[in-house]
N, C-alpha and C. Protein backbone atom coordinates (compact mmCIF):
# COMPACT_ATOMS: atom_id res chain seq x y z
N MET A 1 1.49 -29.69 29.64
CA MET A 1 1.44 -29.79 28.18
C MET A 1 0.43 -28.77 27.64
N ALA A 2 0.78 -28.09 26.58
CA ALA A 2 -0.10 -27.08 26.00
C ALA A 2 -1.30 -27.74 25.34
N ASP A 3 -2.42 -27.02 25.39
CA ASP A 3 -3.62 -27.52 24.73
C ASP A 3 -3.39 -27.55 23.23
N PRO A 4 -3.93 -28.58 22.55
CA PRO A 4 -3.79 -28.60 21.08
C PRO A 4 -4.56 -27.43 20.48
N LYS A 5 -4.04 -26.96 19.35
CA LYS A 5 -4.70 -25.84 18.69
C LYS A 5 -6.04 -26.28 18.12
N THR A 6 -7.03 -25.43 18.31
CA THR A 6 -8.33 -25.68 17.70
C THR A 6 -8.30 -25.16 16.27
N SER A 7 -9.31 -25.51 15.51
CA SER A 7 -9.37 -25.01 14.13
C SER A 7 -9.51 -23.49 14.13
N PHE A 8 -10.17 -22.94 15.16
CA PHE A 8 -10.27 -21.49 15.25
C PHE A 8 -8.90 -20.87 15.51
N ASP A 9 -8.09 -21.51 16.38
CA ASP A 9 -6.74 -21.01 16.64
C ASP A 9 -5.90 -21.03 15.36
N GLU A 10 -6.02 -22.11 14.61
CA GLU A 10 -5.27 -22.22 13.36
C GLU A 10 -5.71 -21.16 12.36
N LEU A 11 -7.03 -20.94 12.28
CA LEU A 11 -7.56 -19.92 11.38
C LEU A 11 -7.06 -18.54 11.80
N TYR A 12 -7.10 -18.29 13.10
CA TYR A 12 -6.62 -17.00 13.61
C TYR A 12 -5.15 -16.80 13.25
N ASP A 13 -4.33 -17.84 13.43
CA ASP A 13 -2.91 -17.75 13.09
C ASP A 13 -2.71 -17.45 11.61
N LYS A 14 -3.51 -18.09 10.76
CA LYS A 14 -3.39 -17.84 9.32
C LYS A 14 -3.77 -16.40 8.98
N ILE A 15 -4.83 -15.92 9.61
CA ILE A 15 -5.26 -14.54 9.37
C ILE A 15 -4.18 -13.57 9.85
N GLU A 16 -3.63 -13.84 11.03
CA GLU A 16 -2.58 -12.99 11.58
C GLU A 16 -1.37 -12.93 10.65
N ASN A 17 -0.96 -14.08 10.11
CA ASN A 17 0.17 -14.12 9.17
C ASN A 17 -0.15 -13.36 7.89
N ALA A 18 -1.39 -13.48 7.41
CA ALA A 18 -1.78 -12.77 6.20
C ALA A 18 -1.71 -11.26 6.42
N VAL A 19 -2.16 -10.81 7.59
CA VAL A 19 -2.12 -9.37 7.89
C VAL A 19 -0.67 -8.88 7.93
N LYS A 20 0.22 -9.68 8.50
CA LYS A 20 1.64 -9.29 8.56
C LYS A 20 2.23 -9.14 7.16
N ASN A 21 1.76 -9.96 6.21
CA ASN A 21 2.29 -9.91 4.86
C ASN A 21 1.65 -8.83 4.00
N LEU A 22 0.71 -8.08 4.57
CA LEU A 22 0.00 -7.08 3.79
C LEU A 22 0.53 -5.66 4.00
N THR A 23 1.76 -5.52 4.43
CA THR A 23 2.24 -4.18 4.72
C THR A 23 2.87 -3.48 3.53
N THR A 24 3.36 -4.22 2.55
CA THR A 24 4.00 -3.60 1.39
C THR A 24 3.51 -4.27 0.11
N LEU A 25 3.14 -3.46 -0.82
CA LEU A 25 2.73 -3.94 -2.14
C LEU A 25 3.83 -3.55 -3.12
N LYS A 26 4.24 -4.52 -3.93
CA LYS A 26 5.30 -4.26 -4.91
C LYS A 26 4.73 -4.52 -6.30
N VAL A 27 4.92 -3.54 -7.19
CA VAL A 27 4.50 -3.67 -8.58
C VAL A 27 5.74 -3.52 -9.45
N VAL A 28 6.02 -4.54 -10.27
CA VAL A 28 7.20 -4.52 -11.13
C VAL A 28 6.76 -4.70 -12.58
N THR A 29 7.29 -3.86 -13.44
CA THR A 29 7.14 -4.02 -14.88
C THR A 29 8.55 -4.11 -15.45
N ALA A 30 8.84 -5.20 -16.14
CA ALA A 30 10.19 -5.40 -16.66
C ALA A 30 10.13 -5.82 -18.11
N VAL A 31 11.08 -5.30 -18.88
CA VAL A 31 11.20 -5.63 -20.29
C VAL A 31 12.62 -6.14 -20.51
N GLY A 32 12.73 -7.33 -21.08
CA GLY A 32 14.06 -7.88 -21.34
C GLY A 32 14.26 -9.20 -20.63
N ASP A 33 15.49 -9.44 -20.22
CA ASP A 33 15.89 -10.71 -19.60
C ASP A 33 15.46 -10.73 -18.13
N VAL A 34 14.40 -11.47 -17.83
CA VAL A 34 13.85 -11.55 -16.49
C VAL A 34 13.79 -13.01 -16.07
N THR A 35 14.23 -13.29 -14.85
CA THR A 35 14.14 -14.65 -14.31
C THR A 35 13.37 -14.59 -13.00
N ILE A 36 12.30 -15.38 -12.90
CA ILE A 36 11.51 -15.45 -11.68
C ILE A 36 11.37 -16.92 -11.30
N SER A 37 11.67 -17.23 -10.04
CA SER A 37 11.48 -18.60 -9.56
C SER A 37 10.74 -18.56 -8.23
N GLN A 38 9.99 -19.62 -7.97
CA GLN A 38 9.20 -19.70 -6.75
C GLN A 38 9.32 -21.10 -6.17
N SER A 39 9.39 -21.18 -4.84
CA SER A 39 9.46 -22.47 -4.18
C SER A 39 8.76 -22.39 -2.83
N SER A 40 8.48 -23.56 -2.26
CA SER A 40 7.84 -23.64 -0.95
C SER A 40 8.85 -24.08 0.09
N VAL A 41 8.82 -23.42 1.24
CA VAL A 41 9.69 -23.76 2.35
C VAL A 41 8.80 -24.03 3.56
N THR A 42 9.04 -25.16 4.25
CA THR A 42 8.24 -25.49 5.42
C THR A 42 9.09 -25.35 6.67
N GLU A 43 8.60 -24.54 7.61
CA GLU A 43 9.24 -24.35 8.91
C GLU A 43 8.16 -24.43 9.98
N ASP A 44 8.42 -25.17 11.04
CA ASP A 44 7.48 -25.27 12.16
C ASP A 44 6.07 -25.59 11.69
N ASP A 45 5.94 -26.56 10.80
CA ASP A 45 4.65 -27.00 10.26
C ASP A 45 3.92 -25.91 9.48
N THR A 46 4.62 -24.86 9.09
CA THR A 46 4.02 -23.79 8.31
C THR A 46 4.76 -23.69 6.99
N THR A 47 4.02 -23.68 5.89
CA THR A 47 4.62 -23.58 4.57
C THR A 47 4.61 -22.13 4.12
N HIS A 48 5.77 -21.66 3.69
CA HIS A 48 5.92 -20.30 3.18
C HIS A 48 6.36 -20.38 1.72
N GLU A 49 5.79 -19.53 0.91
CA GLU A 49 6.21 -19.43 -0.48
C GLU A 49 7.36 -18.44 -0.55
N THR A 50 8.44 -18.83 -1.21
CA THR A 50 9.55 -17.91 -1.43
C THR A 50 9.67 -17.66 -2.93
N ARG A 51 10.02 -16.45 -3.26
CA ARG A 51 10.09 -16.07 -4.66
C ARG A 51 11.37 -15.28 -4.87
N SER A 52 12.08 -15.61 -5.93
CA SER A 52 13.27 -14.82 -6.25
C SER A 52 13.09 -14.25 -7.65
N GLU A 53 13.56 -13.04 -7.80
CA GLU A 53 13.40 -12.33 -9.06
C GLU A 53 14.74 -11.74 -9.46
N ASN A 54 15.06 -11.84 -10.74
CA ASN A 54 16.31 -11.28 -11.24
C ASN A 54 15.99 -10.44 -12.47
N TYR A 55 16.22 -9.14 -12.34
CA TYR A 55 16.00 -8.21 -13.44
C TYR A 55 17.32 -7.61 -13.91
N GLN A 56 18.40 -8.32 -13.67
CA GLN A 56 19.75 -7.79 -13.89
C GLN A 56 19.94 -7.22 -15.30
N ASN A 57 19.44 -7.88 -16.31
CA ASN A 57 19.65 -7.43 -17.68
C ASN A 57 18.38 -6.88 -18.31
N ALA A 58 17.46 -6.43 -17.48
CA ALA A 58 16.18 -5.94 -17.99
C ALA A 58 16.03 -4.45 -17.71
N LYS A 59 15.17 -3.83 -18.49
CA LYS A 59 14.74 -2.46 -18.21
C LYS A 59 13.50 -2.62 -17.33
N ALA A 60 13.48 -1.96 -16.17
CA ALA A 60 12.39 -2.21 -15.24
C ALA A 60 11.89 -0.94 -14.56
N ILE A 61 10.63 -1.03 -14.15
CA ILE A 61 10.01 -0.03 -13.28
C ILE A 61 9.58 -0.79 -12.03
N LEU A 62 9.94 -0.26 -10.88
CA LEU A 62 9.57 -0.88 -9.61
C LEU A 62 8.85 0.15 -8.76
N SER A 63 7.66 -0.19 -8.33
CA SER A 63 6.92 0.67 -7.40
C SER A 63 6.63 -0.13 -6.14
N THR A 64 6.87 0.50 -5.00
CA THR A 64 6.50 -0.11 -3.73
C THR A 64 5.54 0.83 -3.02
N ILE A 65 4.51 0.24 -2.43
CA ILE A 65 3.50 1.01 -1.72
C ILE A 65 3.47 0.52 -0.29
N ASP A 66 3.76 1.42 0.65
CA ASP A 66 3.65 1.10 2.07
C ASP A 66 2.18 1.22 2.43
N LEU A 67 1.56 0.10 2.74
CA LEU A 67 0.13 0.09 2.97
C LEU A 67 -0.26 0.67 4.33
N ILE A 68 0.71 0.85 5.21
CA ILE A 68 0.42 1.46 6.50
C ILE A 68 0.47 2.98 6.38
N ASP A 69 1.57 3.50 5.83
CA ASP A 69 1.75 4.95 5.71
C ASP A 69 1.17 5.52 4.43
N GLY A 70 0.96 4.67 3.42
CA GLY A 70 0.45 5.14 2.15
C GLY A 70 1.53 5.70 1.23
N ASP A 71 2.79 5.59 1.65
CA ASP A 71 3.89 6.10 0.82
C ASP A 71 4.06 5.24 -0.43
N ILE A 72 4.26 5.90 -1.57
CA ILE A 72 4.50 5.20 -2.83
C ILE A 72 5.86 5.64 -3.35
N MET A 73 6.71 4.66 -3.68
CA MET A 73 8.02 4.95 -4.25
C MET A 73 8.11 4.23 -5.59
N THR A 74 8.48 4.96 -6.62
CA THR A 74 8.66 4.36 -7.94
C THR A 74 10.06 4.70 -8.45
N VAL A 75 10.77 3.66 -8.89
CA VAL A 75 12.06 3.85 -9.54
C VAL A 75 11.98 3.18 -10.91
N MET A 76 12.63 3.79 -11.88
CA MET A 76 12.57 3.22 -13.23
C MET A 76 13.85 3.49 -13.99
N ASP A 77 14.12 2.60 -14.91
CA ASP A 77 15.22 2.81 -15.84
C ASP A 77 14.89 4.07 -16.64
N GLU A 78 15.89 4.86 -16.94
CA GLU A 78 15.66 6.14 -17.60
C GLU A 78 14.99 6.02 -18.97
N VAL A 79 15.08 4.86 -19.62
CA VAL A 79 14.44 4.73 -20.94
C VAL A 79 12.93 4.92 -20.84
N PHE A 80 12.34 4.57 -19.69
CA PHE A 80 10.90 4.73 -19.53
C PHE A 80 10.51 6.20 -19.42
N ALA A 81 11.44 7.03 -18.99
CA ALA A 81 11.18 8.47 -18.87
C ALA A 81 11.54 9.22 -20.15
N LYS A 82 12.54 8.73 -20.88
CA LYS A 82 13.06 9.48 -22.03
C LYS A 82 12.59 8.97 -23.39
N ASP A 83 12.38 7.69 -23.53
CA ASP A 83 12.13 7.08 -24.83
C ASP A 83 10.63 6.90 -25.06
N ALA A 84 10.11 7.52 -26.11
CA ALA A 84 8.68 7.45 -26.41
C ALA A 84 8.21 6.02 -26.67
N ILE A 85 9.11 5.16 -27.11
CA ILE A 85 8.75 3.76 -27.37
C ILE A 85 8.28 3.08 -26.08
N TYR A 86 8.86 3.47 -24.96
CA TYR A 86 8.55 2.85 -23.67
C TYR A 86 7.43 3.56 -22.91
N ALA A 87 6.92 4.67 -23.44
CA ALA A 87 5.92 5.47 -22.73
C ALA A 87 4.65 4.67 -22.42
N SER A 88 4.19 3.86 -23.37
CA SER A 88 2.96 3.10 -23.13
C SER A 88 3.17 2.05 -22.05
N ILE A 89 4.37 1.50 -21.96
CA ILE A 89 4.67 0.52 -20.91
C ILE A 89 4.68 1.22 -19.55
N ARG A 90 5.28 2.41 -19.49
CA ARG A 90 5.30 3.20 -18.25
C ARG A 90 3.87 3.54 -17.83
N ASP A 91 3.06 4.00 -18.78
CA ASP A 91 1.67 4.35 -18.47
C ASP A 91 0.89 3.14 -17.98
N ASP A 92 1.13 1.98 -18.61
CA ASP A 92 0.47 0.75 -18.18
C ASP A 92 0.88 0.40 -16.75
N HIS A 93 2.15 0.58 -16.42
CA HIS A 93 2.63 0.31 -15.06
C HIS A 93 1.88 1.19 -14.05
N MET A 94 1.75 2.47 -14.37
CA MET A 94 1.07 3.38 -13.45
C MET A 94 -0.41 3.00 -13.27
N GLU A 95 -1.04 2.54 -14.33
CA GLU A 95 -2.43 2.07 -14.22
C GLU A 95 -2.51 0.83 -13.34
N ARG A 96 -1.52 -0.04 -13.46
CA ARG A 96 -1.50 -1.25 -12.63
C ARG A 96 -1.34 -0.90 -11.15
N ILE A 97 -0.61 0.15 -10.86
CA ILE A 97 -0.48 0.59 -9.46
C ILE A 97 -1.85 0.99 -8.93
N LYS A 98 -2.59 1.76 -9.71
CA LYS A 98 -3.94 2.16 -9.28
C LYS A 98 -4.82 0.94 -9.06
N SER A 99 -4.79 0.01 -10.00
CA SER A 99 -5.59 -1.22 -9.88
C SER A 99 -5.17 -2.03 -8.67
N ALA A 100 -3.87 -2.13 -8.46
CA ALA A 100 -3.36 -2.91 -7.32
C ALA A 100 -3.81 -2.29 -6.01
N GLN A 101 -3.79 -0.97 -5.91
CA GLN A 101 -4.24 -0.32 -4.69
C GLN A 101 -5.72 -0.62 -4.43
N GLN A 102 -6.53 -0.59 -5.47
CA GLN A 102 -7.96 -0.90 -5.31
C GLN A 102 -8.15 -2.34 -4.85
N ILE A 103 -7.41 -3.26 -5.45
CA ILE A 103 -7.51 -4.67 -5.07
C ILE A 103 -7.10 -4.86 -3.62
N VAL A 104 -6.00 -4.24 -3.23
CA VAL A 104 -5.54 -4.37 -1.84
C VAL A 104 -6.58 -3.79 -0.89
N ASN A 105 -7.14 -2.63 -1.22
CA ASN A 105 -8.17 -2.05 -0.36
C ASN A 105 -9.36 -2.99 -0.20
N GLN A 106 -9.79 -3.61 -1.30
CA GLN A 106 -10.90 -4.57 -1.23
C GLN A 106 -10.51 -5.79 -0.39
N ASN A 107 -9.29 -6.28 -0.57
CA ASN A 107 -8.84 -7.44 0.20
C ASN A 107 -8.75 -7.13 1.68
N VAL A 108 -8.28 -5.93 2.02
CA VAL A 108 -8.20 -5.55 3.43
C VAL A 108 -9.61 -5.49 4.03
N GLN A 109 -10.56 -4.91 3.30
CA GLN A 109 -11.93 -4.86 3.80
C GLN A 109 -12.50 -6.26 4.00
N THR A 110 -12.23 -7.16 3.05
CA THR A 110 -12.68 -8.54 3.17
C THR A 110 -12.03 -9.22 4.37
N LEU A 111 -10.75 -8.99 4.54
CA LEU A 111 -10.02 -9.59 5.66
C LEU A 111 -10.55 -9.07 7.00
N LEU A 112 -10.81 -7.78 7.08
CA LEU A 112 -11.37 -7.22 8.31
C LEU A 112 -12.74 -7.82 8.61
N ALA A 113 -13.56 -7.99 7.58
CA ALA A 113 -14.87 -8.61 7.78
C ALA A 113 -14.72 -10.05 8.25
N LEU A 114 -13.74 -10.76 7.70
CA LEU A 114 -13.49 -12.14 8.10
C LEU A 114 -13.03 -12.21 9.56
N VAL A 115 -12.12 -11.32 9.93
CA VAL A 115 -11.64 -11.29 11.32
C VAL A 115 -12.79 -10.98 12.26
N LYS A 116 -13.65 -10.04 11.90
CA LYS A 116 -14.81 -9.72 12.73
C LYS A 116 -15.74 -10.92 12.85
N ALA A 117 -15.98 -11.61 11.74
CA ALA A 117 -16.86 -12.78 11.77
C ALA A 117 -16.27 -13.87 12.66
N VAL A 118 -14.98 -14.12 12.55
CA VAL A 118 -14.32 -15.12 13.40
C VAL A 118 -14.42 -14.70 14.86
N GLY A 119 -14.19 -13.42 15.13
CA GLY A 119 -14.31 -12.91 16.50
C GLY A 119 -15.71 -13.10 17.04
N ASP A 120 -16.72 -12.81 16.22
CA ASP A 120 -18.11 -13.00 16.64
C ASP A 120 -18.40 -14.46 16.94
N ILE A 121 -17.89 -15.35 16.10
CA ILE A 121 -18.09 -16.79 16.32
C ILE A 121 -17.42 -17.23 17.61
N LEU A 122 -16.18 -16.80 17.81
CA LEU A 122 -15.46 -17.16 19.03
C LEU A 122 -16.17 -16.62 20.27
N GLU A 123 -16.69 -15.42 20.18
CA GLU A 123 -17.43 -14.84 21.30
C GLU A 123 -18.69 -15.65 21.59
N ALA A 124 -19.40 -16.06 20.53
CA ALA A 124 -20.60 -16.88 20.73
C ALA A 124 -20.25 -18.23 21.35
N VAL A 125 -19.16 -18.83 20.91
CA VAL A 125 -18.73 -20.12 21.47
C VAL A 125 -18.37 -19.95 22.94
N ASN A 126 -17.64 -18.90 23.27
CA ASN A 126 -17.27 -18.65 24.67
C ASN A 126 -18.50 -18.37 25.53
N THR A 127 -19.47 -17.65 24.99
CA THR A 127 -20.71 -17.38 25.73
C THR A 127 -21.44 -18.68 26.01
N GLN A 128 -21.50 -19.56 25.02
CA GLN A 128 -22.16 -20.87 25.22
C GLN A 128 -21.41 -21.69 26.26
N LYS A 129 -20.08 -21.68 26.22
CA LYS A 129 -19.29 -22.42 27.21
C LYS A 129 -19.55 -21.90 28.62
N ARG A 130 -19.57 -20.57 28.77
CA ARG A 130 -19.82 -19.99 30.09
C ARG A 130 -21.21 -20.34 30.58
N ALA A 131 -22.18 -20.33 29.67
CA ALA A 131 -23.56 -20.68 30.05
C ALA A 131 -23.62 -22.12 30.52
N ARG A 132 -22.94 -23.03 29.83
CA ARG A 132 -22.93 -24.44 30.24
C ARG A 132 -22.23 -24.61 31.58
N GLN A 133 -21.13 -23.88 31.76
CA GLN A 133 -20.40 -23.97 33.03
C GLN A 133 -21.26 -23.45 34.17
N SER A 134 -21.99 -22.37 33.93
CA SER A 134 -22.87 -21.82 34.96
C SER A 134 -23.97 -22.81 35.31
N GLU A 135 -24.51 -23.47 34.29
CA GLU A 135 -25.56 -24.46 34.53
C GLU A 135 -25.04 -25.63 35.34
N SER A 136 -23.83 -26.09 35.01
CA SER A 136 -23.29 -27.25 35.72
C SER A 136 -22.89 -26.89 37.15
N VAL A 137 -22.42 -25.67 37.37
CA VAL A 137 -22.06 -25.23 38.72
C VAL A 137 -23.31 -24.97 39.54
N GLY A 138 -24.31 -24.36 38.94
CA GLY A 138 -25.53 -24.00 39.66
C GLY A 138 -26.55 -25.11 39.71
N GLY A 139 -26.25 -26.24 39.19
CA GLY A 139 -27.22 -27.34 39.21
C GLY A 139 -27.98 -27.44 37.92
N GLY A 140 -28.20 -26.35 37.23
CA GLY A 140 -28.82 -26.35 35.93
C GLY A 140 -30.26 -26.77 35.88
N GLY A 141 -30.82 -27.30 36.90
CA GLY A 141 -32.21 -27.75 36.81
C GLY A 141 -33.01 -27.29 37.99
N THR A 142 -34.30 -27.63 37.97
CA THR A 142 -35.17 -27.26 39.08
C THR A 142 -35.47 -28.41 39.96
């Protein structure tokens, strides 16, 4: 039978899942008929948030940023490029991309610091366990 997961194992799993979800950043600006819904799905004792978005009848700008390669792709309805009325919305979208990149960079740094701290704690716990095992094997006393 497998050993039950410790709280450190569970924390590590959560951090690992968070890192997996940090590979692509999506920024959407939409004007018009937009439908967004969100729900929770539980699989294998893990809850995942699912989100569906429908921009079918909207004018939209979509930017995706690959956080590994740094590639940025932006697609937009032509009204954002041609119509002066939509220019401020387009400019706002581009500013949000810059802000989003800064937020993601800060979050990645925080996550890396957290992973390092957890690793340091686990290393300290393992060192203490080995020291106790050495004491019990070697007699531990005089």
